[in-house]
Amino acid sequence: MWIRRFHPRPDSEVRLVCLPHAGGAASYFFPLSKAMPSFAEVLSVQYPGRQDRRNEPLIDNVPDLADRVYAALLPWADRPLAFLGHSLGASLAFEVARRFEREKDIVAAGLFASARRAPSTHRSETVHLLDDRGLVAEVDRLDGTASGLLKDEEVLRMVLPAIRSDYRAAETYVYEPGEPLRCPVLAMTGDADPKVTLDEVAAWERHTEGPFELKVYPGGHFYLADHQAAVTEEIAGRLRQA
């Protein structure tokens, strides 16, 4: 099952689909789901290979992930959908939004791209090719929520394959040029994120014909953890306008 619905709101006016970072799980967005005003329901995507899906085959590329997420979301598209993606999740959110526009002519209520360079920018990254020690060191460097758990050997053996697979998906993603989105895009980043520059985040403007804005918060790659209330308020305000 791809979709987690932590706080069902059957009378909501819009659904916010949250897509986690490399190595992340749907539960990363539980606090945001709880804090979101009642007019917006949060759906959080659970990638295979982790938590309750840990025995399912991993998917190590963005196009296949996007196809599967798109198909899983079709039954939920009876009301407006918006997308929030963090890091890898931002690339995936962009590709899912593209599929809804291309296949169903459904324009998202908004795309919130967090801690990720724009699809048209490129970096040569090879973290997914590092040995286990190198991969763990990268997670520690970014201060991700899973970094402390990786000091437990049993947990490490359980979660490392999913982290590596997700890094491979993020680092091998290649943007295929096409029509820009028609939805509003808000790009968000931490001012000390080692994985992305402000110019790379600002380049999201190239990928929509709708309104664009860039928001910069103090912090690193996981600035969201320190600014949960502010980010939730920002997203809720824009969804209310939409």
C-alpha atoms as a PDB file:
ATOM      1  CA  MET A   1       0.000   0.000   0.000  1.00  0.00           C
ATOM      2  CA  TRP A   2       1.547   3.275  -1.158  1.00  0.00           C
ATOM      3  CA  ILE A   3      -0.622   5.844   0.597  1.00  0.00           C
ATOM      4  CA  ARG A   4      -0.747   6.583   4.327  1.00  0.00           C
ATOM      5  CA  ARG A   5      -3.634   8.626   5.688  1.00  0.00           C
ATOM      6  CA  PHE A   6      -2.696   9.398   9.272  1.00  0.00           C
ATOM      7  CA  HIS A   7      -5.523  11.866   9.960  1.00  0.00           C
ATOM      8  CA  PRO A   8      -8.509  11.154   7.689  1.00  0.00           C
ATOM      9  CA  ARG A   9     -10.508  14.237   6.778  1.00  0.00           C
ATOM     10  CA  PRO A  10     -13.244  13.052   4.428  1.00  0.00           C
ATOM     11  CA  ASP A  11     -14.702  16.564   4.124  1.00  0.00           C
ATOM     12  CA  SER A  12     -11.406  18.232   3.221  1.00  0.00           C
ATOM     13  CA  GLU A  13     -11.270  20.609   0.270  1.00  0.00           C
ATOM     14  CA  VAL A  14      -7.777  19.680  -0.907  1.00  0.00           C
ATOM     15  CA  ARG A  15      -5.305  16.840  -0.413  1.00  0.00           C
ATOM     16  CA  LEU A  16      -1.610  17.420   0.176  1.00  0.00           C
ATOM     17  CA  VAL A  17       0.500  14.499  -1.033  1.00  0.00           C
ATOM     18  CA  CYS A  18       3.833  14.268   0.825  1.00  0.00           C
ATOM     19  CA  LEU A  19       6.817  12.448  -0.653  1.00  0.00           C
ATOM     20  CA  PRO A  20       9.817  11.746   1.616  1.00  0.00           C
ATOM     21  CA  HIS A  21      13.565  12.071   1.153  1.00  0.00           C
ATOM     22  CA  ALA A  22      16.045   9.300   0.379  1.00  0.00           C
ATOM     23  CA  GLY A  23      15.833   6.731   3.135  1.00  0.00           C
ATOM     24  CA  GLY A  24      12.733   8.433   4.516  1.00  0.00           C
ATOM     25  CA  ALA A  25       9.345   6.962   5.285  1.00  0.00           C
ATOM     26  CA  ALA A  26       5.760   8.182   5.215  1.00  0.00           C
ATOM     27  CA  SER A  27       5.865   8.707   8.975  1.00  0.00           C
ATOM     28  CA  TYR A  28       8.286  11.618   8.498  1.00  0.00           C
ATOM     29  CA  PHE A  29       5.233  13.724   7.650  1.00  0.00           C
ATOM     30  CA  PHE A  30       3.072  12.600  10.592  1.00  0.00           C
ATOM     31  CA  PRO A  31       3.619  15.886  12.513  1.00  0.00           C
ATOM     32  CA  LEU A  32       2.679  17.956   9.476  1.00  0.00           C
ATOM     33  CA  SER A  33      -0.409  15.810   8.904  1.00  0.00           C
ATOM     34  CA  LYS A  34      -1.513  16.371  12.489  1.00  0.00           C
ATOM     35  CA  ALA A  35      -0.888  20.133  12.340  1.00  0.00           C
ATOM     36  CA  MET A  36      -2.537  20.810   8.978  1.00  0.00           C
ATOM     37  CA  PRO A  37      -5.866  22.712   9.218  1.00  0.00           C
ATOM     38  CA  SER A  38      -9.028  20.678   8.721  1.00  0.00           C
ATOM     39  CA  PHE A  39      -9.682  21.927   5.182  1.00  0.00           C
ATOM     40  CA  ALA A  40      -6.575  20.024   3.956  1.00  0.00           C
ATOM     41  CA  GLU A  41      -6.016  16.285   4.237  1.00  0.00           C
ATOM     42  CA  VAL A  42      -2.469  14.943   4.146  1.00  0.00           C
ATOM     43  CA  LEU A  43      -1.613  11.785   2.212  1.00  0.00           C
ATOM     44  CA  SER A  44       1.920  10.503   2.791  1.00  0.00           C
ATOM     45  CA  VAL A  45       3.636   8.173   0.340  1.00  0.00           C
ATOM     46  CA  GLN A  46       5.395   5.049   1.599  1.00  0.00           C
ATOM     47  CA  TYR A  47       8.083   3.801  -0.779  1.00  0.00           C
ATOM     48  CA  PRO A  48       8.691   0.036  -0.901  1.00  0.00           C
ATOM     49  CA  GLY A  49      11.596  -1.468   1.024  1.00  0.00           C
ATOM     50  CA  ARG A  50      11.052   0.167   4.425  1.00  0.00           C
ATOM     51  CA  GLN A  51       8.988  -0.242   7.584  1.00  0.00           C
ATOM     52  CA  ASP A  52       5.848  -2.259   6.794  1.00  0.00           C
ATOM     53  CA  ARG A  53       6.958  -2.559   3.132  1.00  0.00           C
ATOM     54  CA  ARG A  54      10.504  -3.697   3.883  1.00  0.00           C
ATOM     55  CA  ASN A  55      10.030  -7.079   2.173  1.00  0.00           C
ATOM     56  CA  GLU A  56       8.852  -5.556  -1.100  1.00  0.00           C
ATOM     57  CA  PRO A  57      11.267  -5.035  -4.026  1.00  0.00           C
ATOM     58  CA  LEU A  58      13.053  -1.688  -4.078  1.00  0.00           C
ATOM     59  CA  ILE A  59      12.566   0.776  -6.937  1.00  0.00           C
ATOM     60  CA  ASP A  60      15.808   2.609  -7.685  1.00  0.00           C
ATOM     61  CA  ASN A  61      14.793   5.157 -10.321  1.00  0.00           C
ATOM     62  CA  VAL A  62      12.506   8.185 -10.347  1.00  0.00           C
ATOM     63  CA  PRO A  63      10.486   7.417 -13.517  1.00  0.00           C
ATOM     64  CA  ASP A  64       9.312   4.023 -12.255  1.00  0.00           C
ATOM     65  CA  LEU A  65       8.604   5.431  -8.799  1.00  0.00           C
ATOM     66  CA  ALA A  66       6.607   8.266 -10.359  1.00  0.00           C
ATOM     67  CA  ASP A  67       4.563   5.847 -12.462  1.00  0.00           C
ATOM     68  CA  ARG A  68       3.673   3.782  -9.401  1.00  0.00           C
ATOM     69  CA  VAL A  69       2.845   6.775  -7.205  1.00  0.00           C
ATOM     70  CA  TYR A  70       0.732   8.319  -9.956  1.00  0.00           C
ATOM     71  CA  ALA A  71      -1.284   5.108 -10.310  1.00  0.00           C
ATOM     72  CA  ALA A  72      -1.729   4.852  -6.537  1.00  0.00           C
ATOM     73  CA  LEU A  73      -3.031   8.433  -6.353  1.00  0.00           C
ATOM     74  CA  LEU A  74      -5.628   8.181  -9.104  1.00  0.00           C
ATOM     75  CA  PRO A  75      -8.404   7.078  -6.698  1.00  0.00           C
ATOM     76  CA  TRP A  76      -7.618  10.133  -4.538  1.00  0.00           C
ATOM     77  CA  ALA A  77      -7.926  12.661  -7.356  1.00  0.00           C
ATOM     78  CA  ASP A  78     -11.634  13.296  -6.821  1.00  0.00           C
ATOM     79  CA  ARG A  79     -10.618  16.607  -5.230  1.00  0.00           C
ATOM     80  CA  PRO A  80      -7.644  18.924  -5.801  1.00  0.00           C
ATOM     81  CA  LEU A  81      -4.189  17.488  -5.127  1.00  0.00           C
ATOM     82  CA  ALA A  82      -1.102  19.412  -4.079  1.00  0.00           C
ATOM     83  CA  PHE A  83       2.375  17.955  -3.691  1.00  0.00           C
ATOM     84  CA  LEU A  84       5.095  18.423  -1.083  1.00  0.00           C
ATOM     85  CA  GLY A  85       8.376  16.659  -1.776  1.00  0.00           C
ATOM     86  CA  HIS A  86      11.533  16.817   0.318  1.00  0.00           C
ATOM     87  CA  SER A  87      14.884  16.181  -1.419  1.00  0.00           C
ATOM     88  CA  LEU A  88      14.377  13.065  -3.599  1.00  0.00           C
ATOM     89  CA  GLY A  89      10.669  13.542  -2.934  1.00  0.00           C
ATOM     90  CA  ALA A  90      10.709  16.925  -4.691  1.00  0.00           C
ATOM     91  CA  SER A  91      11.925  15.385  -7.960  1.00  0.00           C
ATOM     92  CA  LEU A  92       9.342  12.660  -7.574  1.00  0.00           C
ATOM     93  CA  ALA A  93       6.564  15.153  -6.803  1.00  0.00           C
ATOM     94  CA  PHE A  94       7.442  17.089  -9.951  1.00  0.00           C
ATOM     95  CA  GLU A  95       7.253  13.957 -12.100  1.00  0.00           C
ATOM     96  CA  VAL A  96       3.933  12.857 -10.574  1.00  0.00           C
ATOM     97  CA  ALA A  97       2.464  16.318 -11.127  1.00  0.00           C
ATOM     98  CA  ARG A  98       3.629  16.132 -14.758  1.00  0.00           C
ATOM     99  CA  ARG A  99       1.839  12.823 -15.202  1.00  0.00           C
ATOM    100  CA  PHE A 100      -1.423  14.199 -13.843  1.00  0.00           C
ATOM    101  CA  GLU A 101      -1.244  17.117 -16.273  1.00  0.00           C
ATOM    102  CA  ARG A 102      -0.240  14.971 -19.229  1.00  0.00           C
ATOM    103  CA  GLU A 103      -2.526  11.994 -18.699  1.00  0.00           C
ATOM    104  CA  LYS A 104      -5.590  13.510 -17.002  1.00  0.00           C
ATOM    105  CA  ASP A 105      -5.265  17.263 -17.616  1.00  0.00           C
ATOM    106  CA  ILE A 106      -5.369  17.687 -13.833  1.00  0.00           C
ATOM    107  CA  VAL A 107      -3.361  20.698 -12.648  1.00  0.00           C
ATOM    108  CA  ALA A 108      -2.036  20.476  -9.103  1.00  0.00           C
ATOM    109  CA  ALA A 109      -3.217  22.989  -6.524  1.00  0.00           C
ATOM    110  CA  GLY A 110       0.461  23.582  -5.809  1.00  0.00           C
ATOM    111  CA  LEU A 111       3.926  22.039  -5.846  1.00  0.00           C
ATOM    112  CA  PHE A 112       6.104  22.546  -2.764  1.00  0.00           C
ATOM    113  CA  ALA A 113       9.685  21.567  -3.621  1.00  0.00           C
ATOM    114  CA  SER A 114      11.889  21.295  -0.551  1.00  0.00           C
ATOM    115  CA  ALA A 115      15.686  20.934  -0.280  1.00  0.00           C
ATOM    116  CA  ARG A 116      16.175  19.873  -3.878  1.00  0.00           C
ATOM    117  CA  ARG A 117      17.711  21.404  -6.956  1.00  0.00           C
ATOM    118  CA  ALA A 118      15.456  22.071  -9.924  1.00  0.00           C
ATOM    119  CA  PRO A 119      15.054  19.195 -12.397  1.00  0.00           C
ATOM    120  CA  SER A 120      16.902  21.065 -15.156  1.00  0.00           C
ATOM    121  CA  THR A 121      20.028  21.560 -13.018  1.00  0.00           C
ATOM    122  CA  HIS A 122      22.594  18.797 -12.844  1.00  0.00           C
ATOM    123  CA  ARG A 123      25.187  17.536 -10.407  1.00  0.00           C
ATOM    124  CA  SER A 124      27.451  14.519 -10.775  1.00  0.00           C
ATOM    125  CA  GLU A 125      26.793  12.620  -7.545  1.00  0.00           C
ATOM    126  CA  THR A 126      27.973   9.118  -6.658  1.00  0.00           C
ATOM    127  CA  VAL A 127      27.067   8.599  -3.004  1.00  0.00           C
ATOM    128  CA  HIS A 128      25.049   5.521  -3.969  1.00  0.00           C
ATOM    129  CA  LEU A 129      28.294   3.902  -5.178  1.00  0.00           C
ATOM    130  CA  LEU A 130      30.086   4.296  -1.832  1.00  0.00           C
ATOM    131  CA  ASP A 131      30.594   1.373   0.531  1.00  0.00           C
ATOM    132  CA  ASP A 132      28.316   1.049   3.537  1.00  0.00           C
ATOM    133  CA  ARG A 133      30.591   3.121   5.763  1.00  0.00           C
ATOM    134  CA  GLY A 134      30.672   5.948   3.231  1.00  0.00           C
ATOM    135  CA  LEU A 135      26.907   5.910   2.833  1.00  0.00           C
ATOM    136  CA  VAL A 136      26.349   6.070   6.589  1.00  0.00           C
ATOM    137  CA  ALA A 137      28.839   8.948   6.814  1.00  0.00           C
ATOM    138  CA  GLU A 138      26.804  10.892   4.237  1.00  0.00           C
ATOM    139  CA  VAL A 139      23.585  10.396   6.193  1.00  0.00           C
ATOM    140  CA  ASP A 140      25.359  11.545   9.355  1.00  0.00           C
ATOM    141  CA  ARG A 141      26.718  14.589   7.533  1.00  0.00           C
ATOM    142  CA  LEU A 142      23.226  15.669   6.567  1.00  0.00           C
ATOM    143  CA  ASP A 143      21.955  15.039  10.110  1.00  0.00           C
ATOM    144  CA  GLY A 144      18.968  13.081   8.905  1.00  0.00           C
ATOM    145  CA  THR A 145      16.416  11.677  11.333  1.00  0.00           C
ATOM    146  CA  ALA A 146      17.729   8.150  10.670  1.00  0.00           C
ATOM    147  CA  SER A 147      21.392   8.905  11.382  1.00  0.00           C
ATOM    148  CA  GLY A 148      21.253   7.883  15.036  1.00  0.00           C
ATOM    149  CA  LEU A 149      19.536   4.599  14.206  1.00  0.00           C
ATOM    150  CA  LEU A 150      22.356   3.634  11.858  1.00  0.00           C
ATOM    151  CA  LYS A 151      24.674   3.065  14.814  1.00  0.00           C
ATOM    152  CA  ASP A 152      22.664  -0.096  15.576  1.00  0.00           C
ATOM    153  CA  GLU A 153      24.071  -2.899  13.409  1.00  0.00           C
ATOM    154  CA  GLU A 154      20.747  -4.727  13.159  1.00  0.00           C
ATOM    155  CA  VAL A 155      18.889  -1.597  12.124  1.00  0.00           C
ATOM    156  CA  LEU A 156      21.694  -0.736   9.709  1.00  0.00           C
ATOM    157  CA  ARG A 157      21.348  -4.043   7.862  1.00  0.00           C
ATOM    158  CA  MET A 158      17.598  -3.495   7.643  1.00  0.00           C
ATOM    159  CA  VAL A 159      17.515   0.070   6.321  1.00  0.00           C
ATOM    160  CA  LEU A 160      20.719   0.530   4.360  1.00  0.00           C
ATOM    161  CA  PRO A 161      19.481  -1.175   1.155  1.00  0.00           C
ATOM    162  CA  ALA A 162      16.534   1.242   0.967  1.00  0.00           C
ATOM    163  CA  ILE A 163      18.771   4.254   1.606  1.00  0.00           C
ATOM    164  CA  ARG A 164      21.181   3.170  -1.135  1.00  0.00           C
ATOM    165  CA  SER A 165      18.333   2.518  -3.562  1.00  0.00           C
ATOM    166  CA  ASP A 166      16.831   5.945  -2.890  1.00  0.00           C
ATOM    167  CA  TYR A 167      20.188   7.671  -3.324  1.00  0.00           C
ATOM    168  CA  ARG A 168      20.595   5.871  -6.644  1.00  0.00           C
ATOM    169  CA  ALA A 169      17.177   7.136  -7.736  1.00  0.00           C
ATOM    170  CA  ALA A 170      17.981  10.709  -6.713  1.00  0.00           C
ATOM    171  CA  GLU A 171      21.485  10.796  -8.184  1.00  0.00           C
ATOM    172  CA  THR A 172      20.667   9.129 -11.511  1.00  0.00           C
ATOM    173  CA  TYR A 173      17.521  11.161 -12.173  1.00  0.00           C
ATOM    174  CA  VAL A 174      17.696  12.889 -15.545  1.00  0.00           C
ATOM    175  CA  TYR A 175      15.138  15.517 -16.455  1.00  0.00           C
ATOM    176  CA  GLU A 176      13.418  14.968 -19.788  1.00  0.00           C
ATOM    177  CA  PRO A 177      12.532  18.368 -21.297  1.00  0.00           C
ATOM    178  CA  GLY A 178       8.849  18.999 -21.783  1.00  0.00           C
ATOM    179  CA  GLU A 179       6.035  21.412 -21.145  1.00  0.00           C
ATOM    180  CA  PRO A 180       6.305  23.325 -17.864  1.00  0.00           C
ATOM    181  CA  LEU A 181       3.757  22.727 -15.146  1.00  0.00           C
ATOM    182  CA  ARG A 182       0.784  25.078 -14.883  1.00  0.00           C
ATOM    183  CA  CYS A 183       0.525  25.076 -11.102  1.00  0.00           C
ATOM    184  CA  PRO A 184       1.996  27.431  -8.500  1.00  0.00           C
ATOM    185  CA  VAL A 185       5.437  26.336  -7.283  1.00  0.00           C
ATOM    186  CA  LEU A 186       7.004  27.216  -3.943  1.00  0.00           C
ATOM    187  CA  ALA A 187      10.658  26.171  -3.633  1.00  0.00           C
ATOM    188  CA  MET A 188      12.007  25.959  -0.077  1.00  0.00           C
ATOM    189  CA  THR A 189      15.512  25.379   1.226  1.00  0.00           C
ATOM    190  CA  GLY A 190      17.798  25.789   4.186  1.00  0.00           C
ATOM    191  CA  ASP A 191      20.452  28.479   3.862  1.00  0.00           C
ATOM    192  CA  ALA A 192      23.206  26.034   4.889  1.00  0.00           C
ATOM    193  CA  ASP A 193      22.131  22.973   2.913  1.00  0.00           C
ATOM    194  CA  PRO A 194      25.258  21.248   1.532  1.00  0.00           C
ATOM    195  CA  LYS A 195      23.211  19.400  -1.095  1.00  0.00           C
ATOM    196  CA  VAL A 196      21.890  22.397  -3.011  1.00  0.00           C
ATOM    197  CA  THR A 197      22.690  26.033  -3.798  1.00  0.00           C
ATOM    198  CA  LEU A 198      20.213  28.899  -3.816  1.00  0.00           C
ATOM    199  CA  ASP A 199      20.650  29.244  -7.583  1.00  0.00           C
ATOM    200  CA  GLU A 200      19.778  25.571  -8.058  1.00  0.00           C
ATOM    201  CA  VAL A 201      16.633  25.971  -5.966  1.00  0.00           C
ATOM    202  CA  ALA A 202      15.658  29.232  -7.684  1.00  0.00           C
ATOM    203  CA  ALA A 203      15.821  27.381 -11.010  1.00  0.00           C
ATOM    204  CA  TRP A 204      12.504  25.698 -10.168  1.00  0.00           C
ATOM    205  CA  GLU A 205      10.960  28.845 -11.654  1.00  0.00           C
ATOM    206  CA  ARG A 206      11.783  27.478 -15.123  1.00  0.00           C
ATOM    207  CA  HIS A 207       9.445  24.552 -14.571  1.00  0.00           C
ATOM    208  CA  THR A 208       6.090  26.270 -14.228  1.00  0.00           C
ATOM    209  CA  GLU A 209       3.935  28.765 -16.058  1.00  0.00           C
ATOM    210  CA  GLY A 210       2.211  29.514 -12.759  1.00  0.00           C
ATOM    211  CA  PRO A 211       3.332  31.738  -9.884  1.00  0.00           C
ATOM    212  CA  PHE A 212       6.726  30.971  -8.365  1.00  0.00           C
ATOM    213  CA  GLU A 213       8.325  31.903  -5.069  1.00  0.00           C
ATOM    214  CA  LEU A 214      11.500  30.937  -3.232  1.00  0.00           C
ATOM    215  CA  LYS A 215      11.572  30.697   0.579  1.00  0.00           C
ATOM    216  CA  VAL A 216      14.851  30.327   2.484  1.00  0.00           C
ATOM    217  CA  TYR A 217      14.947  29.150   6.091  1.00  0.00           C
ATOM    218  CA  PRO A 218      17.872  28.996   8.504  1.00  0.00           C
ATOM    219  CA  GLY A 219      19.312  25.489   8.610  1.00  0.00           C
ATOM    220  CA  GLY A 220      20.691  22.604   6.626  1.00  0.00           C
ATOM    221  CA  HIS A 221      19.216  19.801   4.556  1.00  0.00           C
ATOM    222  CA  PHE A 222      16.646  18.950   7.218  1.00  0.00           C
ATOM    223  CA  TYR A 223      15.656  22.521   8.063  1.00  0.00           C
ATOM    224  CA  LEU A 224      12.038  21.288   8.154  1.00  0.00           C
ATOM    225  CA  ALA A 225      12.592  19.752  11.578  1.00  0.00           C
ATOM    226  CA  ASP A 226      13.436  23.164  13.053  1.00  0.00           C
ATOM    227  CA  HIS A 227      10.720  25.126  11.238  1.00  0.00           C
ATOM    228  CA  GLN A 228       7.788  22.715  11.274  1.00  0.00           C
ATOM    229  CA  ALA A 229       5.223  25.290  12.424  1.00  0.00           C
ATOM    230  CA  ALA A 230       6.355  27.990   9.986  1.00  0.00           C
ATOM    231  CA  VAL A 231       6.443  25.617   7.012  1.00  0.00           C
ATOM    232  CA  THR A 232       3.038  24.175   7.884  1.00  0.00           C
ATOM    233  CA  GLU A 233       1.566  27.677   8.120  1.00  0.00           C
ATOM    234  CA  GLU A 234       3.145  28.665   4.807  1.00  0.00           C
ATOM    235  CA  ILE A 235       1.794  25.629   2.980  1.00  0.00           C
ATOM    236  CA  ALA A 236      -1.654  25.877   4.585  1.00  0.00           C
ATOM    237  CA  GLY A 237      -1.974  29.526   3.614  1.00  0.00           C
ATOM    238  CA  ARG A 238      -1.184  28.789  -0.011  1.00  0.00           C
ATOM    239  CA  LEU A 239      -3.547  25.818  -0.126  1.00  0.00           C
ATOM    240  CA  ARG A 240      -6.316  27.971   1.315  1.00  0.00           C
ATOM    241  CA  GLN A 241      -5.775  30.520  -1.459  1.00  0.00           C
ATOM    242  CA  ALA A 242      -5.806  27.781  -4.083  1.00  0.00           C
END
